[in-house]
Amino acid sequence: MSIRGKVVQPSAEHERLRLSLCSVIRRKAPDMAAEEILAIFCQIVGQLIALQDQRRFTSDSVMALVSANIEMGNQHAVDNLLSETAGTA
C-alpha cells in the first residue's frame, strides 16, 4: 500500500479532535510562543512517524504524507486568515 502524498480530508471527528487540541493548548500554555508549540508538535509528529509499520510504508511515503497534510493545514490557516473580518475599518 502506498500513502505517498495522500491528503487526509478532515471529517467532523477530525475537526473535533483538532479543536480539542487547540483548546488544550490555549488552556495549558496560554503564553507559550508559537514556535515552541510548533517544536513540541513536530516532536509528536516525529514520534508518530516512528510508530508507522515499516513493513507497509516506506519512510519516503510517510514523509510525503506528512508534507502533503502540512501543506493542506497551512492553506486552511491562510484561508481562515484571509476570510476574517477583524479590525476597525
N, C-alpha and C. Protein backbone atom coordinates (compact mmCIF):
# COMPACT_ATOMS: atom_id res chain seq x y z
N MET A 1 0.84 -1.18 0.00
CA MET A 1 0.00 0.00 0.00
C MET A 1 0.88 1.24 0.00
N SER A 2 0.57 2.18 -0.83
CA SER A 2 1.33 3.42 -0.89
C SER A 2 0.49 4.56 -0.33
N ILE A 3 1.11 5.39 0.48
CA ILE A 3 0.42 6.55 1.01
C ILE A 3 1.07 7.84 0.53
N ARG A 4 1.95 7.72 -0.46
CA ARG A 4 2.71 8.88 -0.94
C ARG A 4 1.76 10.04 -1.28
N GLY A 5 1.96 11.15 -0.59
CA GLY A 5 1.22 12.35 -0.90
C GLY A 5 -0.25 12.34 -0.56
N LYS A 6 -0.70 11.33 0.17
CA LYS A 6 -2.12 11.22 0.47
C LYS A 6 -2.54 12.33 1.44
N VAL A 7 -3.51 13.11 1.01
CA VAL A 7 -4.05 14.15 1.88
C VAL A 7 -5.30 13.59 2.54
N VAL A 8 -5.33 13.69 3.85
CA VAL A 8 -6.49 13.22 4.60
C VAL A 8 -7.48 14.38 4.72
N GLN A 9 -8.62 14.24 4.06
CA GLN A 9 -9.65 15.26 4.17
C GLN A 9 -10.28 15.15 5.55
N PRO A 10 -10.27 16.24 6.31
CA PRO A 10 -10.77 16.17 7.69
C PRO A 10 -12.26 15.88 7.75
N SER A 11 -12.60 14.93 8.58
CA SER A 11 -14.00 14.61 8.84
C SER A 11 -14.44 15.46 10.05
N ALA A 12 -15.69 15.36 10.40
CA ALA A 12 -16.19 16.07 11.58
C ALA A 12 -15.45 15.60 12.83
N GLU A 13 -15.16 14.31 12.91
CA GLU A 13 -14.41 13.77 14.06
C GLU A 13 -12.99 14.34 14.10
N HIS A 14 -12.35 14.45 12.93
CA HIS A 14 -11.00 15.04 12.87
C HIS A 14 -11.04 16.49 13.35
N GLU A 15 -12.05 17.24 12.91
CA GLU A 15 -12.17 18.64 13.29
C GLU A 15 -12.40 18.79 14.78
N ARG A 16 -13.22 17.91 15.36
CA ARG A 16 -13.43 17.95 16.82
C ARG A 16 -12.13 17.69 17.55
N LEU A 17 -11.33 16.74 17.08
CA LEU A 17 -10.04 16.45 17.71
C LEU A 17 -9.12 17.66 17.61
N ARG A 18 -9.05 18.27 16.42
CA ARG A 18 -8.19 19.44 16.22
C ARG A 18 -8.59 20.57 17.15
N LEU A 19 -9.90 20.84 17.23
CA LEU A 19 -10.38 21.91 18.10
C LEU A 19 -10.10 21.61 19.56
N SER A 20 -10.21 20.34 19.95
CA SER A 20 -9.89 19.95 21.33
C SER A 20 -8.42 20.18 21.64
N LEU A 21 -7.54 19.83 20.70
CA LEU A 21 -6.11 20.06 20.89
C LEU A 21 -5.82 21.56 21.02
N CYS A 22 -6.45 22.37 20.18
CA CYS A 22 -6.27 23.82 20.27
C CYS A 22 -6.74 24.35 21.61
N SER A 23 -7.84 23.83 22.10
CA SER A 23 -8.38 24.24 23.40
C SER A 23 -7.41 23.89 24.53
N VAL A 24 -6.84 22.70 24.47
CA VAL A 24 -5.86 22.29 25.49
C VAL A 24 -4.65 23.21 25.46
N ILE A 25 -4.18 23.54 24.28
CA ILE A 25 -3.01 24.43 24.16
C ILE A 25 -3.34 25.79 24.77
N ARG A 26 -4.49 26.35 24.44
CA ARG A 26 -4.86 27.67 24.99
C ARG A 26 -4.98 27.62 26.51
N ARG A 27 -5.47 26.51 27.03
CA ARG A 27 -5.67 26.37 28.47
C ARG A 27 -4.36 26.11 29.21
N LYS A 28 -3.53 25.20 28.68
CA LYS A 28 -2.33 24.75 29.37
C LYS A 28 -1.11 25.62 29.10
N ALA A 29 -1.06 26.29 27.97
CA ALA A 29 0.12 27.07 27.61
C ALA A 29 -0.28 28.39 26.95
N PRO A 30 -1.07 29.20 27.65
CA PRO A 30 -1.59 30.41 27.02
C PRO A 30 -0.51 31.41 26.61
N ASP A 31 0.62 31.39 27.28
CA ASP A 31 1.68 32.36 26.99
C ASP A 31 2.87 31.76 26.25
N MET A 32 2.77 30.48 25.86
CA MET A 32 3.89 29.84 25.17
C MET A 32 4.00 30.40 23.75
N ALA A 33 5.22 30.65 23.34
CA ALA A 33 5.47 31.18 22.00
C ALA A 33 5.05 30.17 20.93
N ALA A 34 4.56 30.70 19.83
CA ALA A 34 4.08 29.85 18.73
C ALA A 34 5.15 28.89 18.25
N GLU A 35 6.41 29.34 18.18
CA GLU A 35 7.48 28.45 17.70
C GLU A 35 7.77 27.33 18.68
N GLU A 36 7.53 27.55 19.97
CA GLU A 36 7.70 26.47 20.95
C GLU A 36 6.60 25.42 20.78
N ILE A 37 5.38 25.89 20.58
CA ILE A 37 4.27 24.96 20.35
C ILE A 37 4.52 24.17 19.08
N LEU A 38 4.99 24.83 18.04
CA LEU A 38 5.32 24.15 16.79
C LEU A 38 6.38 23.08 17.03
N ALA A 39 7.42 23.42 17.78
CA ALA A 39 8.50 22.46 18.05
C ALA A 39 7.97 21.24 18.79
N ILE A 40 7.11 21.45 19.75
CA ILE A 40 6.53 20.33 20.52
C ILE A 40 5.72 19.42 19.59
N PHE A 41 4.90 20.04 18.74
CA PHE A 41 4.09 19.22 17.83
C PHE A 41 4.93 18.52 16.79
N CYS A 42 6.04 19.13 16.38
CA CYS A 42 6.97 18.45 15.47
C CYS A 42 7.54 17.20 16.13
N GLN A 43 7.85 17.31 17.41
CA GLN A 43 8.35 16.14 18.13
C GLN A 43 7.29 15.05 18.20
N ILE A 44 6.04 15.44 18.42
CA ILE A 44 4.95 14.46 18.44
C ILE A 44 4.82 13.80 17.07
N VAL A 45 4.89 14.60 16.01
CA VAL A 45 4.81 14.04 14.65
C VAL A 45 5.96 13.05 14.43
N GLY A 46 7.16 13.42 14.88
CA GLY A 46 8.31 12.51 14.77
C GLY A 46 8.05 11.19 15.48
N GLN A 47 7.45 11.26 16.65
CA GLN A 47 7.13 10.04 17.39
C GLN A 47 6.08 9.21 16.64
N LEU A 48 5.10 9.87 16.07
CA LEU A 48 4.08 9.16 15.30
C LEU A 48 4.67 8.52 14.05
N ILE A 49 5.62 9.20 13.42
CA ILE A 49 6.30 8.63 12.26
C ILE A 49 7.03 7.35 12.66
N ALA A 50 7.69 7.39 13.81
CA ALA A 50 8.44 6.21 14.28
C ALA A 50 7.52 5.02 14.55
N LEU A 51 6.26 5.28 14.81
CA LEU A 51 5.31 4.21 15.12
C LEU A 51 4.67 3.57 13.89
N GLN A 52 4.96 4.10 12.70
CA GLN A 52 4.36 3.55 11.49
C GLN A 52 4.94 2.18 11.18
N ASP A 53 4.13 1.33 10.60
CA ASP A 53 4.52 -0.03 10.25
C ASP A 53 5.48 0.01 9.06
N GLN A 54 6.75 -0.25 9.31
CA GLN A 54 7.76 -0.19 8.26
C GLN A 54 7.62 -1.30 7.23
N ARG A 55 6.80 -2.30 7.53
CA ARG A 55 6.54 -3.35 6.54
C ARG A 55 5.51 -2.87 5.52
N ARG A 56 4.72 -1.86 5.87
CA ARG A 56 3.67 -1.36 4.99
C ARG A 56 4.04 -0.06 4.29
N PHE A 57 4.85 0.76 4.94
CA PHE A 57 5.12 2.10 4.42
C PHE A 57 6.61 2.38 4.41
N THR A 58 7.07 3.00 3.34
CA THR A 58 8.46 3.43 3.29
C THR A 58 8.58 4.76 4.01
N SER A 59 9.79 5.11 4.41
CA SER A 59 9.97 6.41 5.06
C SER A 59 9.63 7.54 4.09
N ASP A 60 9.93 7.36 2.81
CA ASP A 60 9.58 8.38 1.82
C ASP A 60 8.07 8.59 1.71
N SER A 61 7.30 7.49 1.75
CA SER A 61 5.85 7.63 1.63
C SER A 61 5.26 8.28 2.88
N VAL A 62 5.81 7.98 4.04
CA VAL A 62 5.33 8.61 5.27
C VAL A 62 5.65 10.10 5.26
N MET A 63 6.85 10.45 4.83
CA MET A 63 7.23 11.86 4.78
C MET A 63 6.40 12.62 3.74
N ALA A 64 6.04 11.96 2.65
CA ALA A 64 5.16 12.59 1.65
C ALA A 64 3.79 12.85 2.25
N LEU A 65 3.29 11.90 3.04
CA LEU A 65 2.01 12.07 3.73
C LEU A 65 2.07 13.27 4.67
N VAL A 66 3.14 13.35 5.45
CA VAL A 66 3.30 14.45 6.40
C VAL A 66 3.36 15.78 5.64
N SER A 67 4.17 15.84 4.61
CA SER A 67 4.33 17.07 3.84
C SER A 67 3.03 17.52 3.20
N ALA A 68 2.30 16.61 2.58
CA ALA A 68 1.04 16.97 1.92
C ALA A 68 0.02 17.49 2.92
N ASN A 69 -0.03 16.89 4.10
CA ASN A 69 -1.00 17.32 5.09
C ASN A 69 -0.59 18.60 5.80
N ILE A 70 0.71 18.85 5.93
CA ILE A 70 1.18 20.14 6.44
C ILE A 70 0.76 21.24 5.47
N GLU A 71 0.96 21.00 4.19
CA GLU A 71 0.57 21.99 3.17
C GLU A 71 -0.93 22.27 3.25
N MET A 72 -1.73 21.23 3.42
CA MET A 72 -3.17 21.41 3.50
C MET A 72 -3.54 22.21 4.75
N GLY A 73 -2.92 21.90 5.88
CA GLY A 73 -3.19 22.64 7.11
C GLY A 73 -2.78 24.09 7.00
N ASN A 74 -1.64 24.34 6.35
CA ASN A 74 -1.17 25.70 6.16
C ASN A 74 -2.16 26.47 5.29
N GLN A 75 -2.62 25.86 4.21
CA GLN A 75 -3.58 26.52 3.33
C GLN A 75 -4.87 26.82 4.06
N HIS A 76 -5.31 25.90 4.90
CA HIS A 76 -6.53 26.10 5.69
C HIS A 76 -6.37 27.31 6.60
N ALA A 77 -5.22 27.44 7.26
CA ALA A 77 -4.96 28.58 8.15
C ALA A 77 -4.92 29.89 7.37
N VAL A 78 -4.26 29.89 6.23
CA VAL A 78 -4.19 31.09 5.40
C VAL A 78 -5.58 31.49 4.92
N ASP A 79 -6.37 30.52 4.47
CA ASP A 79 -7.73 30.81 4.02
C ASP A 79 -8.56 31.43 5.14
N ASN A 80 -8.40 30.91 6.37
CA ASN A 80 -9.14 31.45 7.50
C ASN A 80 -8.71 32.88 7.81
N LEU A 81 -7.41 33.13 7.73
CA LEU A 81 -6.92 34.50 7.98
C LEU A 81 -7.45 35.47 6.93
N LEU A 82 -7.48 35.05 5.69
CA LEU A 82 -7.94 35.92 4.61
C LEU A 82 -9.44 36.20 4.68
N SER A 83 -10.18 35.28 5.28
CA SER A 83 -11.64 35.46 5.34
C SER A 83 -12.09 36.16 6.62
N GLU A 84 -11.18 36.37 7.58
CA GLU A 84 -11.54 37.05 8.81
C GLU A 84 -11.84 38.52 8.53
N THR A 85 -12.83 39.02 9.23
CA THR A 85 -13.15 40.44 9.13
C THR A 85 -12.93 41.06 10.50
N ALA A 86 -11.68 41.39 10.78
CA ALA A 86 -11.33 41.98 12.06
C ALA A 86 -10.76 43.36 11.82
N GLY A 87 -10.73 44.13 12.87
CA GLY A 87 -10.15 45.46 12.76
C GLY A 87 -11.17 46.55 12.93
N THR A 88 -10.76 47.77 12.63
CA THR A 88 -11.64 48.91 12.84
C THR A 88 -12.04 49.59 11.55
N ALA A 89 -11.75 49.02 10.43
CA ALA A 89 -12.05 49.65 9.14
C ALA A 89 -13.53 49.59 8.84
